[in-house]
Amino acid sequence: MNFQEMSEAKILEVAIPIMDNLMDASTAIDHERHIRDYTVRLKEFTTLEHLKSVCTNYQAEKGFFRNREVVAVFRRPDSAAIIWKQYFTKAEGEFVAEMVLVHQHGRYLCDHVMVF
């Protein structure tokens, strides 16, 4: 799988539903659903306790995820990095949401994700 050969539209067609699920599952603090599209490597870092801690903190400080807008898609041979402008319900201003998309074992998976 060479992400450099994929169109930006195709990458977003794959990435957006994965990111939607990540955002919804973190809002619900649903660990099983949150890690469903994670690589094995990323699952090792995202324990239930870690997810609860991260979600509780951002929800208290920033509120919940609102809309996001695609800013850029960076393509590499083995992955794509997608950057969004992210908004929250309580915190003012613009934040960054990013995800690294890979293809492993016949599936598209998230190998890194962060909102800051």
C-alpha atoms as a PDB file:
ATOM      1  CA  MET A   1       0.000   0.000   0.000  1.00  0.00           C
ATOM      2  CA  ASN A   2       1.580   3.255  -1.150  1.00  0.00           C
ATOM      3  CA  PHE A   3      -0.251   6.255   0.263  1.00  0.00           C
ATOM      4  CA  GLN A   4       1.560   8.551  -2.180  1.00  0.00           C
ATOM      5  CA  GLU A   5      -0.436   6.920  -4.956  1.00  0.00           C
ATOM      6  CA  MET A   6      -3.796   7.500  -3.213  1.00  0.00           C
ATOM      7  CA  SER A   7      -5.781  10.643  -3.833  1.00  0.00           C
ATOM      8  CA  GLU A   8      -6.425  13.001  -0.969  1.00  0.00           C
ATOM      9  CA  ALA A   9     -10.148  12.312  -1.402  1.00  0.00           C
ATOM     10  CA  LYS A  10      -9.609   8.553  -0.983  1.00  0.00           C
ATOM     11  CA  ILE A  11      -7.450   9.038   2.112  1.00  0.00           C
ATOM     12  CA  LEU A  12     -10.112  11.273   3.668  1.00  0.00           C
ATOM     13  CA  GLU A  13     -12.846   8.784   2.728  1.00  0.00           C
ATOM     14  CA  VAL A  14     -11.003   6.241   4.879  1.00  0.00           C
ATOM     15  CA  ALA A  15      -9.713   8.550   7.627  1.00  0.00           C
ATOM     16  CA  ILE A  16     -12.828  10.575   8.463  1.00  0.00           C
ATOM     17  CA  PRO A  17     -14.986   7.648   9.676  1.00  0.00           C
ATOM     18  CA  ILE A  18     -12.078   6.387  11.775  1.00  0.00           C
ATOM     19  CA  MET A  19     -11.592   9.824  13.330  1.00  0.00           C
ATOM     20  CA  ASP A  20     -15.354  10.234  13.837  1.00  0.00           C
ATOM     21  CA  ASN A  21     -15.395   6.970  15.790  1.00  0.00           C
ATOM     22  CA  LEU A  22     -12.358   8.004  17.857  1.00  0.00           C
ATOM     23  CA  MET A  23     -13.990  11.309  18.779  1.00  0.00           C
ATOM     24  CA  ASP A  24     -17.378   9.758  19.598  1.00  0.00           C
ATOM     25  CA  ALA A  25     -15.823   6.920  21.600  1.00  0.00           C
ATOM     26  CA  SER A  26     -13.629   9.277  23.596  1.00  0.00           C
ATOM     27  CA  THR A  27     -16.643  11.463  24.374  1.00  0.00           C
ATOM     28  CA  ALA A  28     -18.409   8.346  25.696  1.00  0.00           C
ATOM     29  CA  ILE A  29     -15.161   7.074  27.258  1.00  0.00           C
ATOM     30  CA  ASP A  30     -15.796   3.771  25.486  1.00  0.00           C
ATOM     31  CA  HIS A  31     -12.399   2.064  25.450  1.00  0.00           C
ATOM     32  CA  GLU A  32     -13.345  -0.937  23.321  1.00  0.00           C
ATOM     33  CA  ARG A  33     -14.825   1.221  20.574  1.00  0.00           C
ATOM     34  CA  HIS A  34     -12.069   3.825  20.876  1.00  0.00           C
ATOM     35  CA  ILE A  35      -9.263   1.356  20.126  1.00  0.00           C
ATOM     36  CA  ARG A  36     -11.148  -0.661  17.498  1.00  0.00           C
ATOM     37  CA  ASP A  37      -9.171   0.882  14.592  1.00  0.00           C
ATOM     38  CA  TYR A  38      -5.821   1.132  16.398  1.00  0.00           C
ATOM     39  CA  THR A  39      -2.660  -0.686  15.416  1.00  0.00           C
ATOM     40  CA  VAL A  40      -1.339  -3.235  17.882  1.00  0.00           C
ATOM     41  CA  ARG A  41       1.428  -0.776  18.772  1.00  0.00           C
ATOM     42  CA  LEU A  42      -1.038   1.977  19.657  1.00  0.00           C
ATOM     43  CA  LYS A  43      -3.340  -0.368  21.574  1.00  0.00           C
ATOM     44  CA  GLU A  44      -0.448  -1.151  23.916  1.00  0.00           C
ATOM     45  CA  PHE A  45      -0.300   2.512  24.982  1.00  0.00           C
ATOM     46  CA  THR A  46      -4.024   3.127  25.288  1.00  0.00           C
ATOM     47  CA  THR A  47      -5.169   1.313  28.381  1.00  0.00           C
ATOM     48  CA  LEU A  48      -8.641   1.833  29.802  1.00  0.00           C
ATOM     49  CA  GLU A  49      -7.150   3.789  32.709  1.00  0.00           C
ATOM     50  CA  HIS A  50      -5.162   6.035  30.367  1.00  0.00           C
ATOM     51  CA  LEU A  51      -8.200   6.730  28.189  1.00  0.00           C
ATOM     52  CA  LYS A  52     -10.348   7.572  31.217  1.00  0.00           C
ATOM     53  CA  SER A  53      -7.717   9.968  32.523  1.00  0.00           C
ATOM     54  CA  VAL A  54      -7.196  11.748  29.202  1.00  0.00           C
ATOM     55  CA  CYS A  55     -10.918  12.032  28.431  1.00  0.00           C
ATOM     56  CA  THR A  56     -11.891  13.198  31.901  1.00  0.00           C
ATOM     57  CA  ASN A  57      -9.218  15.900  31.784  1.00  0.00           C
ATOM     58  CA  TYR A  58      -9.974  17.283  28.334  1.00  0.00           C
ATOM     59  CA  GLN A  59     -13.737  17.191  28.912  1.00  0.00           C
ATOM     60  CA  ALA A  60     -13.395  19.162  32.162  1.00  0.00           C
ATOM     61  CA  GLU A  61     -11.039  21.695  30.611  1.00  0.00           C
ATOM     62  CA  LYS A  62     -12.199  22.016  27.007  1.00  0.00           C
ATOM     63  CA  GLY A  63     -15.625  20.421  26.860  1.00  0.00           C
ATOM     64  CA  PHE A  64     -16.560  18.079  24.052  1.00  0.00           C
ATOM     65  CA  PHE A  65     -15.462  17.885  20.434  1.00  0.00           C
ATOM     66  CA  ARG A  66     -17.410  20.050  18.046  1.00  0.00           C
ATOM     67  CA  ASN A  67     -16.766  20.401  14.363  1.00  0.00           C
ATOM     68  CA  ARG A  68     -13.413  19.954  12.654  1.00  0.00           C
ATOM     69  CA  GLU A  69     -12.078  21.046   9.289  1.00  0.00           C
ATOM     70  CA  VAL A  70      -9.419  19.342   7.188  1.00  0.00           C
ATOM     71  CA  VAL A  71      -6.274  21.435   6.954  1.00  0.00           C
ATOM     72  CA  ALA A  72      -3.852  19.092   5.194  1.00  0.00           C
ATOM     73  CA  VAL A  73      -3.107  15.535   4.154  1.00  0.00           C
ATOM     74  CA  PHE A  74       0.532  14.488   4.094  1.00  0.00           C
ATOM     75  CA  ARG A  75       1.286  11.356   2.088  1.00  0.00           C
ATOM     76  CA  ARG A  76       4.239   9.050   2.609  1.00  0.00           C
ATOM     77  CA  PRO A  77       4.848   5.644   1.063  1.00  0.00           C
ATOM     78  CA  ASP A  78       3.679   3.740   4.152  1.00  0.00           C
ATOM     79  CA  SER A  79       1.277   6.172   5.834  1.00  0.00           C
ATOM     80  CA  ALA A  80      -0.705   9.377   5.624  1.00  0.00           C
ATOM     81  CA  ALA A  81      -0.934  12.091   8.255  1.00  0.00           C
ATOM     82  CA  ILE A  82      -4.182  14.040   8.351  1.00  0.00           C
ATOM     83  CA  ILE A  83      -4.391  17.392  10.132  1.00  0.00           C
ATOM     84  CA  TRP A  84      -7.674  19.033  11.113  1.00  0.00           C
ATOM     85  CA  LYS A  85      -8.620  22.315  12.741  1.00  0.00           C
ATOM     86  CA  GLN A  86     -10.596  21.187  15.795  1.00  0.00           C
ATOM     87  CA  TYR A  87     -13.122  23.058  17.926  1.00  0.00           C
ATOM     88  CA  PHE A  88     -14.446  22.300  21.418  1.00  0.00           C
ATOM     89  CA  THR A  89     -17.687  23.198  23.190  1.00  0.00           C
ATOM     90  CA  LYS A  90     -16.071  25.032  26.150  1.00  0.00           C
ATOM     91  CA  ALA A  91     -12.602  26.136  25.086  1.00  0.00           C
ATOM     92  CA  GLU A  92     -12.363  29.047  22.710  1.00  0.00           C
ATOM     93  CA  GLY A  93     -10.092  29.061  19.714  1.00  0.00           C
ATOM     94  CA  GLU A  94      -8.731  26.565  17.271  1.00  0.00           C
ATOM     95  CA  PHE A  95      -6.980  23.334  18.190  1.00  0.00           C
ATOM     96  CA  VAL A  96      -5.120  20.761  16.107  1.00  0.00           C
ATOM     97  CA  ALA A  97      -6.324  17.199  15.618  1.00  0.00           C
ATOM     98  CA  GLU A  98      -4.005  14.787  13.848  1.00  0.00           C
ATOM     99  CA  MET A  99      -4.053  11.155  12.888  1.00  0.00           C
ATOM    100  CA  VAL A 100      -1.565   8.863  11.173  1.00  0.00           C
ATOM    101  CA  LEU A 101      -3.270   6.321   8.944  1.00  0.00           C
ATOM    102  CA  VAL A 102      -1.552   3.060   7.975  1.00  0.00           C
ATOM    103  CA  HIS A 103      -2.552  -0.112   6.171  1.00  0.00           C
ATOM    104  CA  GLN A 104      -1.796  -3.340   8.045  1.00  0.00           C
ATOM    105  CA  HIS A 105      -3.156  -6.858   7.749  1.00  0.00           C
ATOM    106  CA  GLY A 106      -5.641  -5.810   5.060  1.00  0.00           C
ATOM    107  CA  ARG A 107      -7.140  -2.936   7.114  1.00  0.00           C
ATOM    108  CA  TYR A 108      -6.700   0.778   7.432  1.00  0.00           C
ATOM    109  CA  LEU A 109      -5.711   1.570  11.004  1.00  0.00           C
ATOM    110  CA  CYS A 110      -4.779   4.515  13.169  1.00  0.00           C
ATOM    111  CA  ASP A 111      -1.149   4.414  14.327  1.00  0.00           C
ATOM    112  CA  HIS A 112      -1.111   7.809  16.077  1.00  0.00           C
ATOM    113  CA  VAL A 113      -3.762  10.305  17.090  1.00  0.00           C
ATOM    114  CA  MET A 114      -3.666  13.476  19.143  1.00  0.00           C
ATOM    115  CA  VAL A 115      -5.640  16.631  19.783  1.00  0.00           C
ATOM    116  CA  PHE A 116      -3.750  19.633  21.099  1.00  0.00           C
END
